[in-house]
C-alpha cells in the first residue's frame, strides 16, 4: 500500500489524475475502471485539461464504470452514464463504442450482472481501477455486509448511502433504492487500484479501512490485500491516521 498525502482536494485530484495520465501514456489501450460521485470530479477536470493541451489521447482507452443505479437510463441526469458523459467523456476523444456501464434499465439482474462480468473478462481485465470511499466504507456500491460479494451484483442501498446521495436529487424519495455494482473480486483483480479520499468527514472511515481488520463490515478494508493499491488523500481525510 502507498499513501500519498495532498494539501487539499485540488492537490489530491491533481496527484490522482497523474496516475491515470501515466497509465494511458504507457498503455494507450488501457482498460480504466472509473468512478462517480464528488470525489473524482477534480480528477476528470485535470484529465480533460491534459487532453486539451494535447498531452493525452483517449482514442484507444476502454472504460468500464463501477456501478449504475437500477431504474435510471443513460439520459437521466442523475444516472452515472450521464455523469460520466458530463464530467469526462463528452470532453475527450474516447470512442463511444469503448464506453461500458451496467444497464440500469435491464430488469433481469442476474443476466445483466453476468454479462458485465463477462465483458470485463473479455476486455482482458482492468488495468487501473479508480475508487472513492463512502462514509460507511463502501467502494462502488459494495455496502457493509456479513460477507464480500465477488462479482457484479444488484445491491439494496443502505440508508446512509441514500442519505449521502440525496443531495443530487430533488428529494430523498427519488433516490433509487438499488444499484448494479462491480463486486469485490472485480475490483481486486484490477492490476492497479487508486483511491481518492478528501475531507474530514472521511477521516474516521478511512482510518478504519486502512488500519482496521479486513472485514465486509468495512468493504474498503479489502484493499489492504491488493498488491498495488495507492491511496491519495488530503490532510483532513488523513487526520486520524
C-alpha atoms as a PDB file:
ATOM      1  CA  UNK A   1       0.000   0.000   0.000  1.00  0.00           C
ATOM      2  CA  UNK A   2       1.180   3.505  -0.857  1.00  0.00           C
ATOM      3  CA  UNK A   3      -0.307   6.598   0.804  1.00  0.00           C
ATOM      4  CA  UNK A   4       0.090   9.918  -0.993  1.00  0.00           C
ATOM      5  CA  UNK A   5      -0.636  12.999   1.113  1.00  0.00           C
ATOM      6  CA  UNK A   6      -2.004  16.130  -0.538  1.00  0.00           C
ATOM      7  CA  UNK A   7      -2.716  19.572   0.857  1.00  0.00           C
ATOM      8  CA  UNK A   8      -6.351  19.785  -0.241  1.00  0.00           C
ATOM      9  CA  UNK A   9      -8.938  18.499  -2.727  1.00  0.00           C
ATOM     10  CA  UNK A  10      -7.348  20.281  -5.688  1.00  0.00           C
ATOM     11  CA  UNK A  11      -3.899  18.886  -4.952  1.00  0.00           C
ATOM     12  CA  UNK A  12      -5.255  15.390  -4.313  1.00  0.00           C
ATOM     13  CA  UNK A  13      -7.187  15.498  -7.595  1.00  0.00           C
ATOM     14  CA  UNK A  14      -4.066  16.515  -9.474  1.00  0.00           C
ATOM     15  CA  UNK A  15      -1.946  13.779  -7.893  1.00  0.00           C
ATOM     16  CA  UNK A  16      -4.580  11.083  -8.533  1.00  0.00           C
ATOM     17  CA  UNK A  17      -5.044  12.258 -12.128  1.00  0.00           C
ATOM     18  CA  UNK A  18      -1.299  11.831 -12.677  1.00  0.00           C
ATOM     19  CA  UNK A  19      -1.637   8.077 -12.078  1.00  0.00           C
ATOM     20  CA  UNK A  20      -4.298   7.819 -14.775  1.00  0.00           C
ATOM     21  CA  UNK A  21      -2.279  10.090 -17.075  1.00  0.00           C
ATOM     22  CA  UNK A  22       0.726   7.793 -16.698  1.00  0.00           C
ATOM     23  CA  UNK A  23      -1.382   4.680 -17.232  1.00  0.00           C
ATOM     24  CA  UNK A  24      -2.794   5.961 -20.528  1.00  0.00           C
ATOM     25  CA  UNK A  25       0.594   7.265 -21.681  1.00  0.00           C
ATOM     26  CA  UNK A  26       2.326   3.944 -21.028  1.00  0.00           C
ATOM     27  CA  UNK A  27      -0.547   1.815 -22.343  1.00  0.00           C
ATOM     28  CA  UNK A  28      -2.780   3.756 -24.766  1.00  0.00           C
ATOM     29  CA  UNK A  29      -5.341   0.924 -24.948  1.00  0.00           C
ATOM     30  CA  UNK A  30      -5.723   0.700 -21.173  1.00  0.00           C
ATOM     31  CA  UNK A  31      -8.936  -0.560 -19.585  1.00  0.00           C
ATOM     32  CA  UNK A  32      -9.856   2.008 -16.954  1.00  0.00           C
ATOM     33  CA  UNK A  33     -12.322   1.290 -14.169  1.00  0.00           C
ATOM     34  CA  UNK A  34     -13.878   4.669 -13.430  1.00  0.00           C
ATOM     35  CA  UNK A  35     -15.899   6.005 -10.522  1.00  0.00           C
ATOM     36  CA  UNK A  36     -18.593   8.625  -9.996  1.00  0.00           C
ATOM     37  CA  UNK A  37     -19.608  10.936  -7.175  1.00  0.00           C
ATOM     38  CA  UNK A  38     -17.995  14.087  -5.823  1.00  0.00           C
ATOM     39  CA  UNK A  39     -14.537  12.638  -5.188  1.00  0.00           C
ATOM     40  CA  UNK A  40     -13.350  12.031  -8.795  1.00  0.00           C
ATOM     41  CA  UNK A  41     -14.715  15.239 -10.356  1.00  0.00           C
ATOM     42  CA  UNK A  42     -11.427  17.096  -9.890  1.00  0.00           C
ATOM     43  CA  UNK A  43      -9.519  14.154 -11.355  1.00  0.00           C
ATOM     44  CA  UNK A  44     -11.612  14.293 -14.510  1.00  0.00           C
ATOM     45  CA  UNK A  45     -11.103  18.057 -14.764  1.00  0.00           C
ATOM     46  CA  UNK A  46      -7.334  17.502 -14.731  1.00  0.00           C
ATOM     47  CA  UNK A  47      -7.562  14.772 -17.390  1.00  0.00           C
ATOM     48  CA  UNK A  48      -9.704  16.993 -19.614  1.00  0.00           C
ATOM     49  CA  UNK A  49      -7.149  19.789 -19.270  1.00  0.00           C
ATOM     50  CA  UNK A  50      -4.349  17.409 -20.261  1.00  0.00           C
ATOM     51  CA  UNK A  51      -6.330  16.292 -23.314  1.00  0.00           C
ATOM     52  CA  UNK A  52      -6.990  19.884 -24.359  1.00  0.00           C
ATOM     53  CA  UNK A  53      -3.272  20.658 -24.094  1.00  0.00           C
ATOM     54  CA  UNK A  54      -2.624  17.780 -26.467  1.00  0.00           C
ATOM     55  CA  UNK A  55      -0.834  15.752 -23.807  1.00  0.00           C
ATOM     56  CA  UNK A  56      -3.334  12.900 -23.550  1.00  0.00           C
ATOM     57  CA  UNK A  57      -5.101  10.702 -26.105  1.00  0.00           C
ATOM     58  CA  UNK A  58      -8.182   8.702 -25.110  1.00  0.00           C
ATOM     59  CA  UNK A  59      -8.828   7.164 -28.544  1.00  0.00           C
ATOM     60  CA  UNK A  60      -7.610   3.706 -27.516  1.00  0.00           C
ATOM     61  CA  UNK A  61      -8.907   3.727 -23.944  1.00  0.00           C
ATOM     62  CA  UNK A  62     -11.673   1.366 -22.860  1.00  0.00           C
ATOM     63  CA  UNK A  63     -13.751   2.406 -19.851  1.00  0.00           C
ATOM     64  CA  UNK A  64     -15.812   0.245 -17.501  1.00  0.00           C
ATOM     65  CA  UNK A  65     -17.693   2.014 -14.740  1.00  0.00           C
ATOM     66  CA  UNK A  66     -18.053   0.712 -11.228  1.00  0.00           C
ATOM     67  CA  UNK A  67     -21.805   0.978 -10.959  1.00  0.00           C
ATOM     68  CA  UNK A  68     -25.158   2.305 -12.110  1.00  0.00           C
ATOM     69  CA  UNK A  69     -28.493   2.938 -10.453  1.00  0.00           C
ATOM     70  CA  UNK A  70     -31.208   0.406 -11.193  1.00  0.00           C
ATOM     71  CA  UNK A  71     -34.173   2.060 -12.986  1.00  0.00           C
ATOM     72  CA  UNK A  72     -32.220   5.024 -14.408  1.00  0.00           C
ATOM     73  CA  UNK A  73     -31.417   5.153 -18.105  1.00  0.00           C
ATOM     74  CA  UNK A  74     -28.398   6.929 -19.628  1.00  0.00           C
ATOM     75  CA  UNK A  75     -30.433  10.068 -20.419  1.00  0.00           C
ATOM     76  CA  UNK A  76     -31.487  10.563 -16.802  1.00  0.00           C
ATOM     77  CA  UNK A  77     -29.483  13.474 -15.360  1.00  0.00           C
ATOM     78  CA  UNK A  78     -28.708  11.521 -12.174  1.00  0.00           C
ATOM     79  CA  UNK A  79     -27.622   8.323 -13.899  1.00  0.00           C
ATOM     80  CA  UNK A  80     -23.945   7.512 -13.778  1.00  0.00           C
ATOM     81  CA  UNK A  81     -23.857   7.214 -17.561  1.00  0.00           C
ATOM     82  CA  UNK A  82     -24.978  10.855 -17.735  1.00  0.00           C
ATOM     83  CA  UNK A  83     -22.466  11.819 -15.026  1.00  0.00           C
ATOM     84  CA  UNK A  84     -19.582  10.318 -16.971  1.00  0.00           C
ATOM     85  CA  UNK A  85     -20.639  11.992 -20.210  1.00  0.00           C
ATOM     86  CA  UNK A  86     -20.982  15.357 -18.499  1.00  0.00           C
ATOM     87  CA  UNK A  87     -17.805  15.185 -16.424  1.00  0.00           C
ATOM     88  CA  UNK A  88     -15.396  13.403 -18.791  1.00  0.00           C
ATOM     89  CA  UNK A  89     -16.441  11.556 -21.923  1.00  0.00           C
ATOM     90  CA  UNK A  90     -18.043  14.481 -23.787  1.00  0.00           C
ATOM     91  CA  UNK A  91     -14.816  16.471 -23.399  1.00  0.00           C
ATOM     92  CA  UNK A  92     -12.232  13.961 -24.643  1.00  0.00           C
ATOM     93  CA  UNK A  93     -11.795  11.746 -27.691  1.00  0.00           C
ATOM     94  CA  UNK A  94     -12.807   8.407 -26.171  1.00  0.00           C
ATOM     95  CA  UNK A  95     -14.811   6.332 -28.658  1.00  0.00           C
ATOM     96  CA  UNK A  96     -18.467   5.782 -27.680  1.00  0.00           C
ATOM     97  CA  UNK A  97     -18.024   2.102 -28.540  1.00  0.00           C
ATOM     98  CA  UNK A  98     -15.330   1.863 -25.850  1.00  0.00           C
ATOM     99  CA  UNK A  99     -17.565   3.093 -23.010  1.00  0.00           C
ATOM    100  CA  UNK A 100     -19.234   0.470 -20.823  1.00  0.00           C
ATOM    101  CA  UNK A 101     -21.558   0.754 -17.834  1.00  0.00           C
ATOM    102  CA  UNK A 102     -24.118  -1.599 -16.327  1.00  0.00           C
ATOM    103  CA  UNK A 103     -27.541  -1.138 -17.928  1.00  0.00           C
ATOM    104  CA  UNK A 104     -29.733   0.282 -15.196  1.00  0.00           C
ATOM    105  CA  UNK A 105     -32.881  -0.354 -17.237  1.00  0.00           C
ATOM    106  CA  UNK A 106     -32.274  -4.097 -17.527  1.00  0.00           C
ATOM    107  CA  UNK A 107     -34.766  -5.721 -15.164  1.00  0.00           C
ATOM    108  CA  UNK A 108     -33.061  -9.113 -15.433  1.00  0.00           C
ATOM    109  CA  UNK A 109     -30.492  -8.560 -12.688  1.00  0.00           C
ATOM    110  CA  UNK A 110     -28.850 -11.960 -12.977  1.00  0.00           C
ATOM    111  CA  UNK A 111     -28.351 -11.662 -16.741  1.00  0.00           C
ATOM    112  CA  UNK A 112     -27.122  -8.061 -16.539  1.00  0.00           C
ATOM    113  CA  UNK A 113     -24.587  -8.836 -13.821  1.00  0.00           C
ATOM    114  CA  UNK A 114     -23.288 -11.946 -15.575  1.00  0.00           C
ATOM    115  CA  UNK A 115     -22.953 -10.004 -18.824  1.00  0.00           C
ATOM    116  CA  UNK A 116     -20.955  -7.240 -17.141  1.00  0.00           C
ATOM    117  CA  UNK A 117     -18.533  -9.679 -15.535  1.00  0.00           C
ATOM    118  CA  UNK A 118     -18.149 -11.425 -18.883  1.00  0.00           C
ATOM    119  CA  UNK A 119     -17.436  -8.078 -20.554  1.00  0.00           C
ATOM    120  CA  UNK A 120     -14.664  -7.230 -18.071  1.00  0.00           C
ATOM    121  CA  UNK A 121     -13.125 -10.654 -18.675  1.00  0.00           C
ATOM    122  CA  UNK A 122     -13.326 -10.249 -22.468  1.00  0.00           C
ATOM    123  CA  UNK A 123     -11.587  -6.862 -22.231  1.00  0.00           C
ATOM    124  CA  UNK A 124      -8.689  -8.583 -20.508  1.00  0.00           C
ATOM    125  CA  UNK A 125      -9.410  -7.207 -17.047  1.00  0.00           C
ATOM    126  CA  UNK A 126      -8.993  -3.726 -15.623  1.00  0.00           C
ATOM    127  CA  UNK A 127      -5.587  -2.061 -15.792  1.00  0.00           C
ATOM    128  CA  UNK A 128      -6.331   0.731 -13.311  1.00  0.00           C
ATOM    129  CA  UNK A 129      -9.385   0.969 -11.093  1.00  0.00           C
ATOM    130  CA  UNK A 130     -10.306   4.332  -9.573  1.00  0.00           C
ATOM    131  CA  UNK A 131     -12.410   4.268  -6.409  1.00  0.00           C
ATOM    132  CA  UNK A 132     -13.659   6.607  -3.727  1.00  0.00           C
ATOM    133  CA  UNK A 133     -14.836   5.580  -0.290  1.00  0.00           C
ATOM    134  CA  UNK A 134     -18.308   6.077   1.157  1.00  0.00           C
ATOM    135  CA  UNK A 135     -18.941   7.317   4.668  1.00  0.00           C
ATOM    136  CA  UNK A 136     -19.855   3.741   5.631  1.00  0.00           C
ATOM    137  CA  UNK A 137     -16.801   2.275   3.902  1.00  0.00           C
ATOM    138  CA  UNK A 138     -18.452   1.206   0.668  1.00  0.00           C
ATOM    139  CA  UNK A 139     -16.483   1.020  -2.586  1.00  0.00           C
ATOM    140  CA  UNK A 140     -18.571   1.110  -5.711  1.00  0.00           C
ATOM    141  CA  UNK A 141     -21.920   0.181  -4.206  1.00  0.00           C
ATOM    142  CA  UNK A 142     -20.482  -2.711  -2.210  1.00  0.00           C
ATOM    143  CA  UNK A 143     -22.247  -1.891   1.047  1.00  0.00           C
ATOM    144  CA  UNK A 144     -21.321  -3.118   4.547  1.00  0.00           C
ATOM    145  CA  UNK A 145     -22.494  -6.718   4.899  1.00  0.00           C
ATOM    146  CA  UNK A 146     -21.674 -10.020   6.566  1.00  0.00           C
ATOM    147  CA  UNK A 147     -19.762 -11.282   3.527  1.00  0.00           C
ATOM    148  CA  UNK A 148     -17.970  -9.999   0.450  1.00  0.00           C
ATOM    149  CA  UNK A 149     -19.773 -10.452  -2.883  1.00  0.00           C
ATOM    150  CA  UNK A 150     -17.282 -11.378  -5.592  1.00  0.00           C
ATOM    151  CA  UNK A 151     -18.921 -10.484  -8.885  1.00  0.00           C
ATOM    152  CA  UNK A 152     -21.187  -7.793 -10.289  1.00  0.00           C
ATOM    153  CA  UNK A 153     -24.469  -7.840  -8.398  1.00  0.00           C
ATOM    154  CA  UNK A 154     -27.620  -5.918  -7.638  1.00  0.00           C
ATOM    155  CA  UNK A 155     -27.465  -4.336  -4.192  1.00  0.00           C
ATOM    156  CA  UNK A 156     -30.010  -2.753  -1.874  1.00  0.00           C
ATOM    157  CA  UNK A 157     -28.564   0.623  -0.930  1.00  0.00           C
ATOM    158  CA  UNK A 158     -28.217   1.400   2.761  1.00  0.00           C
ATOM    159  CA  UNK A 159     -29.942   4.350   4.408  1.00  0.00           C
ATOM    160  CA  UNK A 160     -26.603   6.139   4.868  1.00  0.00           C
ATOM    161  CA  UNK A 161     -25.794   5.820   1.147  1.00  0.00           C
ATOM    162  CA  UNK A 162     -29.270   7.017   0.168  1.00  0.00           C
ATOM    163  CA  UNK A 163     -28.896   9.972   2.541  1.00  0.00           C
ATOM    164  CA  UNK A 164     -25.460  10.818   1.125  1.00  0.00           C
ATOM    165  CA  UNK A 165     -26.742  10.741  -2.464  1.00  0.00           C
ATOM    166  CA  UNK A 166     -30.000  12.584  -1.776  1.00  0.00           C
ATOM    167  CA  UNK A 167     -28.282  15.926  -2.425  1.00  0.00           C
ATOM    168  CA  UNK A 168     -28.164  15.045  -6.124  1.00  0.00           C
ATOM    169  CA  UNK A 169     -31.941  14.520  -6.354  1.00  0.00           C
ATOM    170  CA  UNK A 170     -34.908  16.876  -5.839  1.00  0.00           C
ATOM    171  CA  UNK A 171     -35.894  14.854  -2.763  1.00  0.00           C
ATOM    172  CA  UNK A 172     -34.800  11.681  -0.981  1.00  0.00           C
ATOM    173  CA  UNK A 173     -37.835   9.733  -2.222  1.00  0.00           C
ATOM    174  CA  UNK A 174     -36.458   9.959  -5.768  1.00  0.00           C
ATOM    175  CA  UNK A 175     -33.110   8.339  -4.916  1.00  0.00           C
ATOM    176  CA  UNK A 176     -33.078   4.800  -6.378  1.00  0.00           C
ATOM    177  CA  UNK A 177     -33.021   2.057  -3.764  1.00  0.00           C
ATOM    178  CA  UNK A 178     -30.996  -0.409  -5.835  1.00  0.00           C
ATOM    179  CA  UNK A 179     -27.877  -0.337  -7.977  1.00  0.00           C
ATOM    180  CA  UNK A 180     -25.762  -2.646 -10.088  1.00  0.00           C
ATOM    181  CA  UNK A 181     -22.160  -2.672  -8.913  1.00  0.00           C
ATOM    182  CA  UNK A 182     -18.912  -4.441  -9.659  1.00  0.00           C
ATOM    183  CA  UNK A 183     -18.124  -6.915  -6.918  1.00  0.00           C
ATOM    184  CA  UNK A 184     -15.136  -7.056  -4.636  1.00  0.00           C
ATOM    185  CA  UNK A 185     -13.305  -9.621  -6.775  1.00  0.00           C
ATOM    186  CA  UNK A 186     -13.799  -7.464  -9.881  1.00  0.00           C
ATOM    187  CA  UNK A 187     -12.071  -4.601  -8.076  1.00  0.00           C
ATOM    188  CA  UNK A 188      -9.326  -6.726  -6.513  1.00  0.00           C
ATOM    189  CA  UNK A 189      -8.441  -8.263  -9.872  1.00  0.00           C
ATOM    190  CA  UNK A 190      -7.605  -4.839 -11.324  1.00  0.00           C
ATOM    191  CA  UNK A 191      -3.866  -4.622 -11.866  1.00  0.00           C
ATOM    192  CA  UNK A 192      -3.756  -1.331 -10.001  1.00  0.00           C
ATOM    193  CA  UNK A 193      -6.209   0.442  -7.673  1.00  0.00           C
ATOM    194  CA  UNK A 194      -6.144   4.165  -6.881  1.00  0.00           C
ATOM    195  CA  UNK A 195      -8.432   5.580  -4.184  1.00  0.00           C
ATOM    196  CA  UNK A 196      -9.117   9.268  -3.662  1.00  0.00           C
ATOM    197  CA  UNK A 197     -10.459  10.487  -0.319  1.00  0.00           C
ATOM    198  CA  UNK A 198     -10.899  14.092   0.757  1.00  0.00           C
ATOM    199  CA  UNK A 199     -12.437  15.965   3.633  1.00  0.00           C
ATOM    200  CA  UNK A 200     -12.668  15.499   7.395  1.00  0.00           C
ATOM    201  CA  UNK A 201     -15.915  13.554   7.011  1.00  0.00           C
ATOM    202  CA  UNK A 202     -13.881  10.687   5.502  1.00  0.00           C
ATOM    203  CA  UNK A 203     -11.211  10.627   8.240  1.00  0.00           C
ATOM    204  CA  UNK A 204     -12.816   8.118  10.614  1.00  0.00           C
ATOM    205  CA  UNK A 205     -13.883   5.579   7.990  1.00  0.00           C
ATOM    206  CA  UNK A 206     -10.553   5.911   6.178  1.00  0.00           C
ATOM    207  CA  UNK A 207      -8.717   5.095   9.383  1.00  0.00           C
ATOM    208  CA  UNK A 208     -10.914   2.015   9.888  1.00  0.00           C
ATOM    209  CA  UNK A 209     -10.448   0.893   6.277  1.00  0.00           C
ATOM    210  CA  UNK A 210      -6.679   1.331   6.213  1.00  0.00           C
ATOM    211  CA  UNK A 211      -5.641   0.289   9.721  1.00  0.00           C
ATOM    212  CA  UNK A 212      -8.504  -1.887  10.953  1.00  0.00           C
ATOM    213  CA  UNK A 213      -9.276  -5.544  10.259  1.00  0.00           C
ATOM    214  CA  UNK A 214     -10.224  -6.694   6.769  1.00  0.00           C
ATOM    215  CA  UNK A 215     -13.961  -7.184   7.088  1.00  0.00           C
ATOM    216  CA  UNK A 216     -17.058  -6.982   4.884  1.00  0.00           C
ATOM    217  CA  UNK A 217     -18.465  -4.602   7.513  1.00  0.00           C
ATOM    218  CA  UNK A 218     -15.984  -2.077   6.036  1.00  0.00           C
ATOM    219  CA  UNK A 219     -15.807  -3.100   2.367  1.00  0.00           C
ATOM    220  CA  UNK A 220     -12.909  -0.783   1.515  1.00  0.00           C
ATOM    221  CA  UNK A 221     -10.729  -2.646   4.023  1.00  0.00           C
ATOM    222  CA  UNK A 222     -10.276  -5.408   1.424  1.00  0.00           C
ATOM    223  CA  UNK A 223      -7.924  -3.075  -0.463  1.00  0.00           C
ATOM    224  CA  UNK A 224      -5.307  -3.698   2.214  1.00  0.00           C
ATOM    225  CA  UNK A 225      -4.786  -7.012   0.414  1.00  0.00           C
ATOM    226  CA  UNK A 226      -4.280  -5.542  -3.057  1.00  0.00           C
ATOM    227  CA  UNK A 227      -0.634  -5.765  -4.250  1.00  0.00           C
ATOM    228  CA  UNK A 228      -0.700  -2.344  -5.981  1.00  0.00           C
ATOM    229  CA  UNK A 229      -3.021  -0.064  -4.028  1.00  0.00           C
ATOM    230  CA  UNK A 230      -2.436   3.687  -3.783  1.00  0.00           C
ATOM    231  CA  UNK A 231      -4.438   5.987  -1.513  1.00  0.00           C
ATOM    232  CA  UNK A 232      -4.381   9.673  -2.457  1.00  0.00           C
ATOM    233  CA  UNK A 233      -5.901  11.777   0.323  1.00  0.00           C
ATOM    234  CA  UNK A 234      -5.866  15.306   1.608  1.00  0.00           C
ATOM    235  CA  UNK A 235      -4.699  16.313   5.055  1.00  0.00           C
ATOM    236  CA  UNK A 236      -8.206  16.386   6.517  1.00  0.00           C
ATOM    237  CA  UNK A 237      -9.021  12.866   5.336  1.00  0.00           C
ATOM    238  CA  UNK A 238      -5.716  11.626   6.770  1.00  0.00           C
ATOM    239  CA  UNK A 239      -6.140  13.453  10.072  1.00  0.00           C
ATOM    240  CA  UNK A 240      -6.934  10.287  12.064  1.00  0.00           C
ATOM    241  CA  UNK A 241      -4.212   8.143  10.517  1.00  0.00           C
END
